């Protein structure tokens, strides 16, 4: 019950955050330069009556505060509005592009966790040795280098120079092999999907990997210096058991925080990575919405990503109680 009350409390706290996101995004999208109707009719012959009818259809002829309240009323009912540029429901557009972005972000996180945690543990166990120095250099380079620049370098090396991997597009593993004329069978589909995903996954996951590795190393060094670890060593517990059972688990709490809070960073990086690798995901859709001043689509994507980030933070907080039994909610000293 205490955990349930805490969850409800955190959800209620998230409501003002989402309202603030909606206000800022709505103002930026509607007060920016450019006219969405003019961009939609660009290159076509049109009359003033046509322009006014389109403005009335999308409510662009009404005051800004009325448009905002109308949008929020629809949002509460689950209606994300209708795209001005694509002339389709925003929810349908986002659903079509959500799969590639989720595949890219989740695979990047998997790459980051699988590589960063072992490297961080090894660096902490061999502190101030050559392995530790190399890992710190790799982490520093990874944190300092933008994802899109890493993507460009990977394309130049592995796609252009060596010709090992493709540099554009994405083969979706959930589609049937018949959707691709050059793919024969499901095994070939999964193989080609992995080949097309490998470079963008590394480009997007390098920053996450470097961040997690630095935190893992620091926390493991702190855990290895704890009294409970010294006591275990004094009793003759094997070093591998000390690392796995006594030092590793307490060091993972900050990693959970990093994974939860860096979700927005990964999604932001996916916007540029999708552009570099020509992936039709949410990032490409967001850029198209900004270029066409499609405020309905900009609002829908921003609110959805904001809600996902808030949910991720709440799940991160709640998961603390399951990993560390010392963490409790709803109690005061």
C-alpha atoms as a PDB file:
ATOM      1  CA  UNK A   1       0.000   0.000   0.000  1.00  0.00           C
ATOM      2  CA  UNK A   2       2.832   2.401   0.767  1.00  0.00           C
ATOM      3  CA  UNK A   3       4.373   1.746  -2.632  1.00  0.00           C
ATOM      4  CA  UNK A   4       0.982   2.265  -4.302  1.00  0.00           C
ATOM      5  CA  UNK A   5       0.487   5.573  -2.477  1.00  0.00           C
ATOM      6  CA  UNK A   6       3.957   6.686  -3.498  1.00  0.00           C
ATOM      7  CA  UNK A   7       3.242   5.767  -7.130  1.00  0.00           C
ATOM      8  CA  UNK A   8      -0.024   7.741  -7.131  1.00  0.00           C
ATOM      9  CA  UNK A   9       1.790  10.671  -5.512  1.00  0.00           C
ATOM     10  CA  UNK A  10       4.477  10.645  -8.213  1.00  0.00           C
ATOM     11  CA  UNK A  11       1.869  10.434 -10.992  1.00  0.00           C
ATOM     12  CA  UNK A  12       0.061  13.459  -9.553  1.00  0.00           C
ATOM     13  CA  UNK A  13       3.378  15.317  -9.377  1.00  0.00           C
ATOM     14  CA  UNK A  14       3.930  14.580 -13.067  1.00  0.00           C
ATOM     15  CA  UNK A  15       0.742  16.377 -14.134  1.00  0.00           C
ATOM     16  CA  UNK A  16       2.121  19.943 -13.610  1.00  0.00           C
ATOM     17  CA  UNK A  17       5.297  18.898 -15.426  1.00  0.00           C
ATOM     18  CA  UNK A  18       3.350  17.737 -18.468  1.00  0.00           C
ATOM     19  CA  UNK A  19       1.200  20.882 -18.398  1.00  0.00           C
ATOM     20  CA  UNK A  20       4.373  22.995 -18.368  1.00  0.00           C
ATOM     21  CA  UNK A  21       5.753  21.015 -21.319  1.00  0.00           C
ATOM     22  CA  UNK A  22       2.512  21.550 -23.227  1.00  0.00           C
ATOM     23  CA  UNK A  23       2.472  25.313 -22.607  1.00  0.00           C
ATOM     24  CA  UNK A  24       6.111  25.857 -23.618  1.00  0.00           C
ATOM     25  CA  UNK A  25       5.863  23.630 -26.688  1.00  0.00           C
ATOM     26  CA  UNK A  26       2.566  25.175 -27.805  1.00  0.00           C
ATOM     27  CA  UNK A  27       3.957  28.697 -27.561  1.00  0.00           C
ATOM     28  CA  UNK A  28       7.185  27.839 -29.372  1.00  0.00           C
ATOM     29  CA  UNK A  29       5.345  25.969 -32.133  1.00  0.00           C
ATOM     30  CA  UNK A  30       2.748  28.683 -32.732  1.00  0.00           C
ATOM     31  CA  UNK A  31       4.811  31.834 -32.243  1.00  0.00           C
ATOM     32  CA  UNK A  32       7.707  30.741 -34.457  1.00  0.00           C
ATOM     33  CA  UNK A  33       8.272  32.181 -37.937  1.00  0.00           C
ATOM     34  CA  UNK A  34       6.372  30.723 -40.884  1.00  0.00           C
ATOM     35  CA  UNK A  35       2.778  29.825 -41.660  1.00  0.00           C
ATOM     36  CA  UNK A  36       1.776  26.135 -41.768  1.00  0.00           C
ATOM     37  CA  UNK A  37      -1.002  26.774 -44.294  1.00  0.00           C
ATOM     38  CA  UNK A  38       1.334  28.613 -46.674  1.00  0.00           C
ATOM     39  CA  UNK A  39       3.872  25.792 -46.402  1.00  0.00           C
ATOM     40  CA  UNK A  40       1.168  23.202 -47.041  1.00  0.00           C
ATOM     41  CA  UNK A  41      -0.031  25.039 -50.187  1.00  0.00           C
ATOM     42  CA  UNK A  42       3.465  25.920 -51.377  1.00  0.00           C
ATOM     43  CA  UNK A  43       3.785  25.497 -55.140  1.00  0.00           C
ATOM     44  CA  UNK A  44       0.004  25.306 -55.643  1.00  0.00           C
ATOM     45  CA  UNK A  45      -2.434  27.906 -56.875  1.00  0.00           C
ATOM     46  CA  UNK A  46      -4.738  28.922 -54.064  1.00  0.00           C
ATOM     47  CA  UNK A  47      -7.184  31.652 -53.189  1.00  0.00           C
ATOM     48  CA  UNK A  48      -7.762  33.563 -49.992  1.00  0.00           C
ATOM     49  CA  UNK A  49     -10.997  31.668 -49.486  1.00  0.00           C
ATOM     50  CA  UNK A  50      -9.115  28.362 -49.546  1.00  0.00           C
ATOM     51  CA  UNK A  51      -6.589  29.657 -47.018  1.00  0.00           C
ATOM     52  CA  UNK A  52      -9.356  30.866 -44.703  1.00  0.00           C
ATOM     53  CA  UNK A  53     -11.244  27.567 -44.972  1.00  0.00           C
ATOM     54  CA  UNK A  54      -8.112  25.604 -44.021  1.00  0.00           C
ATOM     55  CA  UNK A  55      -7.457  27.956 -41.099  1.00  0.00           C
ATOM     56  CA  UNK A  56     -11.032  27.465 -39.892  1.00  0.00           C
ATOM     57  CA  UNK A  57     -10.735  23.673 -40.264  1.00  0.00           C
ATOM     58  CA  UNK A  58      -7.686  23.550 -37.998  1.00  0.00           C
ATOM     59  CA  UNK A  59      -8.742  26.413 -35.725  1.00  0.00           C
ATOM     60  CA  UNK A  60      -5.869  28.672 -36.793  1.00  0.00           C
ATOM     61  CA  UNK A  61      -8.185  31.678 -37.044  1.00  0.00           C
ATOM     62  CA  UNK A  62      -8.934  31.646 -33.308  1.00  0.00           C
ATOM     63  CA  UNK A  63      -6.951  33.318 -30.498  1.00  0.00           C
ATOM     64  CA  UNK A  64      -3.946  31.453 -29.172  1.00  0.00           C
ATOM     65  CA  UNK A  65      -5.387  30.726 -25.731  1.00  0.00           C
ATOM     66  CA  UNK A  66      -8.578  29.264 -27.221  1.00  0.00           C
ATOM     67  CA  UNK A  67      -6.566  27.002 -29.479  1.00  0.00           C
ATOM     68  CA  UNK A  68      -4.510  25.803 -26.516  1.00  0.00           C
ATOM     69  CA  UNK A  69      -7.563  25.033 -24.387  1.00  0.00           C
ATOM     70  CA  UNK A  70      -9.196  23.225 -27.307  1.00  0.00           C
ATOM     71  CA  UNK A  71      -6.074  21.164 -27.852  1.00  0.00           C
ATOM     72  CA  UNK A  72      -5.772  20.243 -24.157  1.00  0.00           C
ATOM     73  CA  UNK A  73      -9.465  19.291 -24.031  1.00  0.00           C
ATOM     74  CA  UNK A  74      -8.884  16.870 -26.894  1.00  0.00           C
ATOM     75  CA  UNK A  75      -5.644  15.615 -25.355  1.00  0.00           C
ATOM     76  CA  UNK A  76      -7.408  14.670 -22.116  1.00  0.00           C
ATOM     77  CA  UNK A  77      -9.779  12.558 -24.217  1.00  0.00           C
ATOM     78  CA  UNK A  78      -6.874  10.864 -26.007  1.00  0.00           C
ATOM     79  CA  UNK A  79      -7.091  12.922 -29.193  1.00  0.00           C
ATOM     80  CA  UNK A  80      -3.678  14.189 -30.330  1.00  0.00           C
ATOM     81  CA  UNK A  81      -5.194  16.245 -33.130  1.00  0.00           C
ATOM     82  CA  UNK A  82      -4.805  16.125 -36.888  1.00  0.00           C
ATOM     83  CA  UNK A  83      -1.600  16.920 -38.756  1.00  0.00           C
ATOM     84  CA  UNK A  84      -1.816  20.032 -40.925  1.00  0.00           C
ATOM     85  CA  UNK A  85       0.995  18.958 -43.248  1.00  0.00           C
ATOM     86  CA  UNK A  86       0.100  15.284 -43.690  1.00  0.00           C
ATOM     87  CA  UNK A  87      -3.671  15.793 -43.202  1.00  0.00           C
ATOM     88  CA  UNK A  88      -3.817  12.627 -41.114  1.00  0.00           C
ATOM     89  CA  UNK A  89      -4.441  11.951 -37.408  1.00  0.00           C
ATOM     90  CA  UNK A  90      -1.301  12.582 -35.387  1.00  0.00           C
ATOM     91  CA  UNK A  91      -1.710   9.347 -33.424  1.00  0.00           C
ATOM     92  CA  UNK A  92      -1.684   7.283 -36.627  1.00  0.00           C
ATOM     93  CA  UNK A  93       1.417   9.053 -37.948  1.00  0.00           C
ATOM     94  CA  UNK A  94       3.277   8.500 -34.699  1.00  0.00           C
ATOM     95  CA  UNK A  95       2.232   4.859 -34.513  1.00  0.00           C
ATOM     96  CA  UNK A  96       3.632   4.248 -37.996  1.00  0.00           C
ATOM     97  CA  UNK A  97       7.016   5.718 -36.990  1.00  0.00           C
ATOM     98  CA  UNK A  98       7.226   4.468 -33.392  1.00  0.00           C
ATOM     99  CA  UNK A  99       8.530   0.991 -34.231  1.00  0.00           C
ATOM    100  CA  UNK A 100      11.851   2.036 -35.849  1.00  0.00           C
ATOM    101  CA  UNK A 101      12.607   4.514 -33.055  1.00  0.00           C
ATOM    102  CA  UNK A 102      11.884   1.997 -30.297  1.00  0.00           C
ATOM    103  CA  UNK A 103      14.010  -0.602 -32.079  1.00  0.00           C
ATOM    104  CA  UNK A 104      16.888   1.864 -32.371  1.00  0.00           C
ATOM    105  CA  UNK A 105      16.690   3.214 -28.792  1.00  0.00           C
ATOM    106  CA  UNK A 106      16.232  -0.187 -27.117  1.00  0.00           C
ATOM    107  CA  UNK A 107      19.031  -1.784 -29.116  1.00  0.00           C
ATOM    108  CA  UNK A 108      21.313   1.162 -28.282  1.00  0.00           C
ATOM    109  CA  UNK A 109      20.556   0.728 -24.577  1.00  0.00           C
ATOM    110  CA  UNK A 110      21.173  -3.024 -24.834  1.00  0.00           C
ATOM    111  CA  UNK A 111      24.528  -2.356 -26.486  1.00  0.00           C
ATOM    112  CA  UNK A 112      25.397   0.219 -23.813  1.00  0.00           C
ATOM    113  CA  UNK A 113      24.519  -2.031 -20.863  1.00  0.00           C
ATOM    114  CA  UNK A 114      26.145  -5.175 -22.258  1.00  0.00           C
ATOM    115  CA  UNK A 115      29.434  -3.375 -22.900  1.00  0.00           C
ATOM    116  CA  UNK A 116      29.547  -0.723 -20.156  1.00  0.00           C
ATOM    117  CA  UNK A 117      28.837  -2.814 -17.056  1.00  0.00           C
ATOM    118  CA  UNK A 118      31.539  -5.468 -17.644  1.00  0.00           C
ATOM    119  CA  UNK A 119      34.065  -2.813 -18.691  1.00  0.00           C
ATOM    120  CA  UNK A 120      33.272  -0.727 -15.607  1.00  0.00           C
ATOM    121  CA  UNK A 121      33.680  -3.738 -13.305  1.00  0.00           C
ATOM    122  CA  UNK A 122      36.982  -4.739 -14.926  1.00  0.00           C
ATOM    123  CA  UNK A 123      38.296  -1.155 -14.739  1.00  0.00           C
ATOM    124  CA  UNK A 124      37.415  -0.927 -11.032  1.00  0.00           C
ATOM    125  CA  UNK A 125      38.945  -4.323 -10.262  1.00  0.00           C
ATOM    126  CA  UNK A 126      42.163  -3.310 -12.076  1.00  0.00           C
ATOM    127  CA  UNK A 127      42.301   0.263 -10.888  1.00  0.00           C
ATOM    128  CA  UNK A 128      45.233   2.369 -12.158  1.00  0.00           C
ATOM    129  CA  UNK A 129      46.368  -0.438 -14.437  1.00  0.00           C
ATOM    130  CA  UNK A 130      46.592  -0.124 -18.256  1.00  0.00           C
ATOM    131  CA  UNK A 131      43.092  -1.628 -18.652  1.00  0.00           C
ATOM    132  CA  UNK A 132      41.683   1.062 -16.372  1.00  0.00           C
ATOM    133  CA  UNK A 133      43.463   3.845 -18.252  1.00  0.00           C
ATOM    134  CA  UNK A 134      42.176   2.613 -21.616  1.00  0.00           C
ATOM    135  CA  UNK A 135      38.601   2.367 -20.328  1.00  0.00           C
ATOM    136  CA  UNK A 136      38.734   5.927 -18.992  1.00  0.00           C
ATOM    137  CA  UNK A 137      40.007   7.226 -22.321  1.00  0.00           C
ATOM    138  CA  UNK A 138      37.228   5.376 -24.158  1.00  0.00           C
ATOM    139  CA  UNK A 139      34.637   6.778 -21.744  1.00  0.00           C
ATOM    140  CA  UNK A 140      35.967  10.322 -22.138  1.00  0.00           C
ATOM    141  CA  UNK A 141      35.888  10.113 -25.930  1.00  0.00           C
ATOM    142  CA  UNK A 142      32.401   8.603 -25.877  1.00  0.00           C
ATOM    143  CA  UNK A 143      30.980  11.299 -23.617  1.00  0.00           C
ATOM    144  CA  UNK A 144      32.618  14.122 -25.599  1.00  0.00           C
ATOM    145  CA  UNK A 145      31.645  13.003 -29.105  1.00  0.00           C
ATOM    146  CA  UNK A 146      28.186  13.735 -30.604  1.00  0.00           C
ATOM    147  CA  UNK A 147      26.168  10.734 -31.781  1.00  0.00           C
ATOM    148  CA  UNK A 148      25.709  12.050 -35.308  1.00  0.00           C
ATOM    149  CA  UNK A 149      29.484  12.554 -35.727  1.00  0.00           C
ATOM    150  CA  UNK A 150      30.119   8.985 -34.576  1.00  0.00           C
ATOM    151  CA  UNK A 151      27.509   7.854 -37.089  1.00  0.00           C
ATOM    152  CA  UNK A 152      29.220   9.711 -39.934  1.00  0.00           C
ATOM    153  CA  UNK A 153      32.613   8.221 -39.022  1.00  0.00           C
ATOM    154  CA  UNK A 154      31.110   4.717 -38.848  1.00  0.00           C
ATOM    155  CA  UNK A 155      29.557   5.169 -42.285  1.00  0.00           C
ATOM    156  CA  UNK A 156      32.829   6.389 -43.792  1.00  0.00           C
ATOM    157  CA  UNK A 157      34.820   3.499 -42.313  1.00  0.00           C
ATOM    158  CA  UNK A 158      32.520   0.458 -42.347  1.00  0.00           C
ATOM    159  CA  UNK A 159      30.166   1.334 -45.227  1.00  0.00           C
ATOM    160  CA  UNK A 160      32.179   3.459 -47.679  1.00  0.00           C
ATOM    161  CA  UNK A 161      35.774   2.350 -47.081  1.00  0.00           C
ATOM    162  CA  UNK A 162      35.381  -1.310 -46.095  1.00  0.00           C
ATOM    163  CA  UNK A 163      31.920  -2.008 -47.487  1.00  0.00           C
ATOM    164  CA  UNK A 164      31.038  -4.359 -44.646  1.00  0.00           C
ATOM    165  CA  UNK A 165      27.758  -2.837 -43.470  1.00  0.00           C
ATOM    166  CA  UNK A 166      24.917  -0.810 -45.060  1.00  0.00           C
ATOM    167  CA  UNK A 167      24.774   2.906 -44.369  1.00  0.00           C
ATOM    168  CA  UNK A 168      21.083   3.715 -44.783  1.00  0.00           C
ATOM    169  CA  UNK A 169      17.618   2.407 -44.191  1.00  0.00           C
ATOM    170  CA  UNK A 170      16.452  -0.215 -41.746  1.00  0.00           C
ATOM    171  CA  UNK A 171      15.085  -3.718 -42.270  1.00  0.00           C
ATOM    172  CA  UNK A 172      12.203  -4.250 -39.864  1.00  0.00           C
ATOM    173  CA  UNK A 173      12.290  -7.711 -38.217  1.00  0.00           C
ATOM    174  CA  UNK A 174       8.519  -7.666 -37.559  1.00  0.00           C
ATOM    175  CA  UNK A 175       7.664  -7.483 -41.255  1.00  0.00           C
ATOM    176  CA  UNK A 176       7.279 -10.649 -43.354  1.00  0.00           C
ATOM    177  CA  UNK A 177      10.199 -11.551 -45.637  1.00  0.00           C
ATOM    178  CA  UNK A 178       7.922 -11.050 -48.637  1.00  0.00           C
ATOM    179  CA  UNK A 179       7.931  -7.298 -47.908  1.00  0.00           C
ATOM    180  CA  UNK A 180      11.549  -7.274 -49.132  1.00  0.00           C
ATOM    181  CA  UNK A 181      12.084  -8.791 -52.559  1.00  0.00           C
ATOM    182  CA  UNK A 182      15.781  -9.394 -51.926  1.00  0.00           C
ATOM    183  CA  UNK A 183      15.279 -11.312 -48.641  1.00  0.00           C
ATOM    184  CA  UNK A 184      14.547 -15.038 -48.610  1.00  0.00           C
ATOM    185  CA  UNK A 185      13.273 -16.493 -45.337  1.00  0.00           C
ATOM    186  CA  UNK A 186      13.056 -15.315 -41.739  1.00  0.00           C
ATOM    187  CA  UNK A 187      16.680 -16.094 -40.888  1.00  0.00           C
ATOM    188  CA  UNK A 188      17.845 -13.849 -43.709  1.00  0.00           C
ATOM    189  CA  UNK A 189      15.388 -11.190 -42.510  1.00  0.00           C
ATOM    190  CA  UNK A 190      16.804 -11.184 -38.974  1.00  0.00           C
ATOM    191  CA  UNK A 191      20.365 -11.204 -40.267  1.00  0.00           C
ATOM    192  CA  UNK A 192      19.774  -8.234 -42.566  1.00  0.00           C
ATOM    193  CA  UNK A 193      17.919  -6.404 -39.808  1.00  0.00           C
ATOM    194  CA  UNK A 194      20.935  -6.805 -37.531  1.00  0.00           C
ATOM    195  CA  UNK A 195      23.335  -5.634 -40.274  1.00  0.00           C
ATOM    196  CA  UNK A 196      21.297  -2.500 -40.948  1.00  0.00           C
ATOM    197  CA  UNK A 197      20.846  -1.804 -37.229  1.00  0.00           C
ATOM    198  CA  UNK A 198      24.452  -2.289 -36.132  1.00  0.00           C
ATOM    199  CA  UNK A 199      25.937   1.087 -37.141  1.00  0.00           C
ATOM    200  CA  UNK A 200      23.084   3.335 -35.881  1.00  0.00           C
ATOM    201  CA  UNK A 201      22.901   1.256 -32.699  1.00  0.00           C
ATOM    202  CA  UNK A 202      26.590   1.853 -31.961  1.00  0.00           C
ATOM    203  CA  UNK A 203      26.347   5.544 -32.908  1.00  0.00           C
ATOM    204  CA  UNK A 204      23.429   6.155 -30.545  1.00  0.00           C
ATOM    205  CA  UNK A 205      24.598   3.817 -27.771  1.00  0.00           C
ATOM    206  CA  UNK A 206      28.183   5.064 -27.480  1.00  0.00           C
ATOM    207  CA  UNK A 207      27.241   8.057 -25.317  1.00  0.00           C
ATOM    208  CA  UNK A 208      25.096   5.894 -23.056  1.00  0.00           C
ATOM    209  CA  UNK A 209      27.850   3.279 -22.857  1.00  0.00           C
ATOM    210  CA  UNK A 210      30.478   5.830 -21.880  1.00  0.00           C
ATOM    211  CA  UNK A 211      28.268   7.417 -19.212  1.00  0.00           C
ATOM    212  CA  UNK A 212      27.249   4.096 -17.677  1.00  0.00           C
ATOM    213  CA  UNK A 213      30.832   2.800 -17.723  1.00  0.00           C
ATOM    214  CA  UNK A 214      32.148   5.828 -15.819  1.00  0.00           C
ATOM    215  CA  UNK A 215      29.424   5.550 -13.179  1.00  0.00           C
ATOM    216  CA  UNK A 216      29.877   1.768 -12.911  1.00  0.00           C
ATOM    217  CA  UNK A 217      33.616   2.130 -12.365  1.00  0.00           C
ATOM    218  CA  UNK A 218      33.181   4.789  -9.684  1.00  0.00           C
ATOM    219  CA  UNK A 219      30.497   2.871  -7.818  1.00  0.00           C
ATOM    220  CA  UNK A 220      32.409  -0.398  -7.976  1.00  0.00           C
ATOM    221  CA  UNK A 221      35.534   1.253  -6.560  1.00  0.00           C
ATOM    222  CA  UNK A 222      33.439   2.637  -3.711  1.00  0.00           C
ATOM    223  CA  UNK A 223      31.825  -0.762  -3.092  1.00  0.00           C
ATOM    224  CA  UNK A 224      35.158  -2.580  -3.134  1.00  0.00           C
ATOM    225  CA  UNK A 225      36.375  -0.230  -0.393  1.00  0.00           C
ATOM    226  CA  UNK A 226      33.382  -0.945   1.853  1.00  0.00           C
ATOM    227  CA  UNK A 227      33.721  -2.629   5.218  1.00  0.00           C
ATOM    228  CA  UNK A 228      31.484  -5.543   4.214  1.00  0.00           C
ATOM    229  CA  UNK A 229      33.860  -6.313   1.320  1.00  0.00           C
ATOM    230  CA  UNK A 230      36.891  -6.167   3.612  1.00  0.00           C
ATOM    231  CA  UNK A 231      35.106  -8.488   6.043  1.00  0.00           C
ATOM    232  CA  UNK A 232      34.312 -10.955   3.255  1.00  0.00           C
ATOM    233  CA  UNK A 233      37.950 -10.956   2.148  1.00  0.00           C
ATOM    234  CA  UNK A 234      39.088 -11.440   5.735  1.00  0.00           C
ATOM    235  CA  UNK A 235      36.929 -14.585   5.916  1.00  0.00           C
ATOM    236  CA  UNK A 236      38.654 -15.900   2.815  1.00  0.00           C
ATOM    237  CA  UNK A 237      35.808 -15.439   0.345  1.00  0.00           C
ATOM    238  CA  UNK A 238      37.095 -15.830  -3.232  1.00  0.00           C
ATOM    239  CA  UNK A 239      37.666 -12.553  -5.056  1.00  0.00           C
ATOM    240  CA  UNK A 240      35.244 -13.462  -7.838  1.00  0.00           C
ATOM    241  CA  UNK A 241      32.511 -14.079  -5.264  1.00  0.00           C
ATOM    242  CA  UNK A 242      33.332 -10.773  -3.548  1.00  0.00           C
ATOM    243  CA  UNK A 243      32.931  -8.946  -6.852  1.00  0.00           C
ATOM    244  CA  UNK A 244      29.708 -10.697  -7.838  1.00  0.00           C
ATOM    245  CA  UNK A 245      27.805 -10.914  -4.549  1.00  0.00           C
ATOM    246  CA  UNK A 246      29.161  -8.246  -2.213  1.00  0.00           C
ATOM    247  CA  UNK A 247      30.285  -5.356  -4.433  1.00  0.00           C
ATOM    248  CA  UNK A 248      28.317  -5.610  -7.663  1.00  0.00           C
ATOM    249  CA  UNK A 249      24.713  -5.383  -6.472  1.00  0.00           C
ATOM    250  CA  UNK A 250      25.019  -2.238  -4.286  1.00  0.00           C
ATOM    251  CA  UNK A 251      26.792  -0.480  -7.159  1.00  0.00           C
ATOM    252  CA  UNK A 252      23.834  -0.883  -9.539  1.00  0.00           C
ATOM    253  CA  UNK A 253      21.446   1.643  -7.967  1.00  0.00           C
ATOM    254  CA  UNK A 254      23.038   4.676  -9.683  1.00  0.00           C
ATOM    255  CA  UNK A 255      23.027   2.725 -12.970  1.00  0.00           C
ATOM    256  CA  UNK A 256      19.246   2.449 -12.757  1.00  0.00           C
ATOM    257  CA  UNK A 257      19.039   6.208 -12.298  1.00  0.00           C
ATOM    258  CA  UNK A 258      21.301   6.829 -15.288  1.00  0.00           C
ATOM    259  CA  UNK A 259      19.282   4.495 -17.522  1.00  0.00           C
ATOM    260  CA  UNK A 260      15.984   6.103 -16.512  1.00  0.00           C
ATOM    261  CA  UNK A 261      17.075   9.728 -16.747  1.00  0.00           C
ATOM    262  CA  UNK A 262      19.100   9.303 -19.946  1.00  0.00           C
ATOM    263  CA  UNK A 263      16.035   8.177 -21.851  1.00  0.00           C
ATOM    264  CA  UNK A 264      15.421  11.737 -23.037  1.00  0.00           C
ATOM    265  CA  UNK A 265      19.066  11.985 -24.160  1.00  0.00           C
ATOM    266  CA  UNK A 266      18.745   8.789 -26.173  1.00  0.00           C
ATOM    267  CA  UNK A 267      15.522   9.938 -27.827  1.00  0.00           C
ATOM    268  CA  UNK A 268      17.068  13.320 -28.618  1.00  0.00           C
ATOM    269  CA  UNK A 269      20.104  11.630 -30.109  1.00  0.00           C
ATOM    270  CA  UNK A 270      17.828   9.344 -32.146  1.00  0.00           C
ATOM    271  CA  UNK A 271      16.543  12.411 -34.022  1.00  0.00           C
ATOM    272  CA  UNK A 272      19.962  13.086 -35.535  1.00  0.00           C
ATOM    273  CA  UNK A 273      20.990   9.433 -35.861  1.00  0.00           C
ATOM    274  CA  UNK A 274      17.820   8.659 -37.821  1.00  0.00           C
ATOM    275  CA  UNK A 275      18.624  11.537 -40.152  1.00  0.00           C
ATOM    276  CA  UNK A 276      22.212  10.353 -40.689  1.00  0.00           C
ATOM    277  CA  UNK A 277      21.187   6.742 -41.399  1.00  0.00           C
ATOM    278  CA  UNK A 278      17.958   7.575 -43.279  1.00  0.00           C
ATOM    279  CA  UNK A 279      15.649   5.813 -40.812  1.00  0.00           C
ATOM    280  CA  UNK A 280      11.976   6.763 -40.956  1.00  0.00           C
ATOM    281  CA  UNK A 281      11.329   6.982 -37.242  1.00  0.00           C
ATOM    282  CA  UNK A 282       9.937   9.494 -34.780  1.00  0.00           C
ATOM    283  CA  UNK A 283      13.045  11.646 -35.097  1.00  0.00           C
ATOM    284  CA  UNK A 284      12.616  12.157 -38.831  1.00  0.00           C
ATOM    285  CA  UNK A 285       8.913  12.810 -38.297  1.00  0.00           C
ATOM    286  CA  UNK A 286       9.706  15.432 -35.647  1.00  0.00           C
ATOM    287  CA  UNK A 287      12.134  17.246 -37.946  1.00  0.00           C
ATOM    288  CA  UNK A 288       9.563  17.242 -40.771  1.00  0.00           C
ATOM    289  CA  UNK A 289       6.950  18.630 -38.370  1.00  0.00           C
ATOM    290  CA  UNK A 290       9.238  21.495 -37.328  1.00  0.00           C
ATOM    291  CA  UNK A 291      10.180  22.342 -40.910  1.00  0.00           C
ATOM    292  CA  UNK A 292       6.520  22.467 -41.955  1.00  0.00           C
ATOM    293  CA  UNK A 293       5.373  24.352 -38.811  1.00  0.00           C
ATOM    294  CA  UNK A 294       2.929  21.532 -38.126  1.00  0.00           C
ATOM    295  CA  UNK A 295       2.210  22.507 -34.533  1.00  0.00           C
ATOM    296  CA  UNK A 296      -0.322  19.698 -34.008  1.00  0.00           C
ATOM    297  CA  UNK A 297       2.302  17.096 -34.916  1.00  0.00           C
ATOM    298  CA  UNK A 298       5.015  18.870 -32.896  1.00  0.00           C
ATOM    299  CA  UNK A 299       2.716  18.936 -29.869  1.00  0.00           C
ATOM    300  CA  UNK A 300       1.754  15.286 -30.247  1.00  0.00           C
ATOM    301  CA  UNK A 301       5.342  14.048 -30.476  1.00  0.00           C
ATOM    302  CA  UNK A 302       6.565  16.300 -27.651  1.00  0.00           C
ATOM    303  CA  UNK A 303       3.757  15.339 -25.284  1.00  0.00           C
ATOM    304  CA  UNK A 304       4.198  11.639 -26.018  1.00  0.00           C
ATOM    305  CA  UNK A 305       7.956  11.728 -25.469  1.00  0.00           C
ATOM    306  CA  UNK A 306       7.503  13.856 -22.349  1.00  0.00           C
ATOM    307  CA  UNK A 307       5.012  11.353 -20.943  1.00  0.00           C
ATOM    308  CA  UNK A 308       7.355   8.457 -21.729  1.00  0.00           C
ATOM    309  CA  UNK A 309      10.211  10.246 -19.949  1.00  0.00           C
ATOM    310  CA  UNK A 310       8.090  10.937 -16.852  1.00  0.00           C
ATOM    311  CA  UNK A 311       6.910   7.314 -16.780  1.00  0.00           C
ATOM    312  CA  UNK A 312      10.518   6.171 -17.083  1.00  0.00           C
ATOM    313  CA  UNK A 313      11.537   8.303 -14.098  1.00  0.00           C
ATOM    314  CA  UNK A 314       8.663   6.943 -11.992  1.00  0.00           C
ATOM    315  CA  UNK A 315       9.518   3.335 -12.902  1.00  0.00           C
ATOM    316  CA  UNK A 316      13.150   4.050 -12.023  1.00  0.00           C
ATOM    317  CA  UNK A 317      12.193   5.292  -8.560  1.00  0.00           C
ATOM    318  CA  UNK A 318       9.896   2.355  -7.905  1.00  0.00           C
ATOM    319  CA  UNK A 319      12.452  -0.212  -9.060  1.00  0.00           C
ATOM    320  CA  UNK A 320      14.810   0.969  -6.303  1.00  0.00           C
ATOM    321  CA  UNK A 321      12.687  -0.822  -3.712  1.00  0.00           C
ATOM    322  CA  UNK A 322      12.969  -4.125  -5.553  1.00  0.00           C
ATOM    323  CA  UNK A 323      16.744  -3.977  -5.996  1.00  0.00           C
ATOM    324  CA  UNK A 324      17.730  -2.597  -2.590  1.00  0.00           C
ATOM    325  CA  UNK A 325      15.524  -3.757   0.327  1.00  0.00           C
ATOM    326  CA  UNK A 326      16.861  -0.867   2.411  1.00  0.00           C
ATOM    327  CA  UNK A 327      14.895   1.578   0.244  1.00  0.00           C
ATOM    328  CA  UNK A 328      11.337   2.187   1.475  1.00  0.00           C
ATOM    329  CA  UNK A 329       8.618   4.592   0.429  1.00  0.00           C
ATOM    330  CA  UNK A 330       5.966   6.353   2.399  1.00  0.00           C
ATOM    331  CA  UNK A 331       7.892   6.383   5.666  1.00  0.00           C
ATOM    332  CA  UNK A 332       9.317   9.313   7.556  1.00  0.00           C
ATOM    333  CA  UNK A 333      12.011   9.276  10.150  1.00  0.00           C
END
